[in-house]
Protein backbone atom coordinates (compact mmCIF):
# COMPACT_ATOMS: atom_id res chain seq x y z
CA MET A 1 92.18 130.89 40.75
CA GLU A 2 94.92 128.32 39.62
CA LYS A 3 98.36 128.24 41.56
CA ILE A 4 101.81 125.71 40.50
CA VAL A 5 101.88 122.68 42.56
CA GLY A 6 104.39 120.97 41.31
CA MET A 7 107.62 120.99 39.10
CA HIS A 8 108.67 117.23 37.21
CA GLU A 9 112.06 116.93 35.16
CA ALA A 10 111.31 114.45 32.16
CA GLN A 11 112.64 113.52 28.53
CA THR A 12 111.32 112.51 25.47
CA PRO A 13 112.32 109.49 24.23
CA ASN A 14 115.23 110.84 22.21
CA GLY A 15 117.10 112.18 25.50
CA GLY A 16 114.80 115.74 25.37
CA ALA A 17 114.71 117.33 28.53
CA ALA A 18 111.37 118.83 29.61
CA THR A 19 109.53 120.68 32.92
CA ILE A 20 105.81 119.56 33.22
CA TYR A 21 104.55 121.68 35.10
CA GLU A 22 101.54 120.33 37.54
CA ILE A 23 98.50 123.28 38.34
CA GLN A 24 95.80 122.97 40.48
CA GLN A 25 92.60 125.12 39.28
CA TYR A 26 91.04 126.00 42.73
CA PRO A 27 86.89 127.43 43.23
CA SER A 28 86.36 131.44 44.21
CA ALA A 29 86.00 131.71 47.68
CA ASP A 30 82.26 131.66 46.95
CA THR A 31 82.48 127.82 46.43
CA SER A 32 81.45 125.03 49.27
CA LEU A 33 84.41 122.73 50.95
CA VAL A 34 84.02 119.29 50.34
CA SER A 35 83.23 117.36 53.33
CA ASP A 36 86.71 116.53 54.86
CA GLY A 37 87.91 121.07 54.52
CA ALA A 38 89.45 120.68 51.89
CA PRO A 39 88.97 122.81 48.59
CA THR A 40 88.06 121.22 45.29
CA GLY A 41 89.42 121.52 42.03
CA ILE A 42 90.83 120.05 39.33
CA LYS A 43 94.13 119.09 38.51
CA ARG A 44 95.99 119.21 35.20
CA PHE A 45 99.36 118.67 33.54
CA GLU A 46 101.57 121.11 31.04
CA LEU A 47 104.44 121.76 29.79
CA ALA A 48 106.25 125.42 29.85
CA ASP A 49 104.83 126.42 26.69
CA GLY A 50 101.20 125.58 27.33
CA ARG A 51 100.61 122.33 25.90
CA PRO A 52 98.16 120.57 27.59
CA LEU A 53 99.62 116.73 28.44
CA LYS A 54 97.31 113.94 29.40
CA LEU A 55 98.61 111.21 32.45
CA VAL A 56 99.19 108.07 30.04
CA GLY A 57 101.13 106.14 32.89
CA ARG A 58 103.72 105.72 35.93
CA GLY A 59 105.86 108.95 35.37
CA GLU A 60 104.68 109.23 31.33
CA TYR A 61 102.76 111.75 29.58
CA LYS A 62 101.25 112.40 26.28
CA VAL A 63 100.77 115.93 24.59
CA GLU A 64 97.64 115.99 24.01
CA GLY A 65 96.49 115.63 20.61
CA THR A 66 99.49 113.84 19.61
CA ASP A 67 102.24 110.70 19.86
CA GLU A 68 104.23 113.21 21.64
CA VAL A 69 105.53 111.18 24.94
CA PHE A 70 107.39 112.73 28.12
CA LEU A 71 108.90 110.73 30.65
CA VAL A 72 109.17 112.04 34.07
CA GLN A 73 113.02 110.73 35.52
CA GLY A 74 112.93 108.49 38.15
CA GLY A 75 108.66 108.08 37.28
């Protein structure tokens, strides 16, 4: 199961606006928990249009496979 756990307003270096979604992948209910009781899962980032992002620096994301960069405002 996937859940949006955060949304970040961002901009391109040329001033364009975008929203970055922080998505947490949760394992199925029959998957075991880690020692602190929290479920394990993968977190990823993507744009509203579904293009995957890679974190490349503090508040800086790059569209995977391109040189297109997005900066989180205040990041």
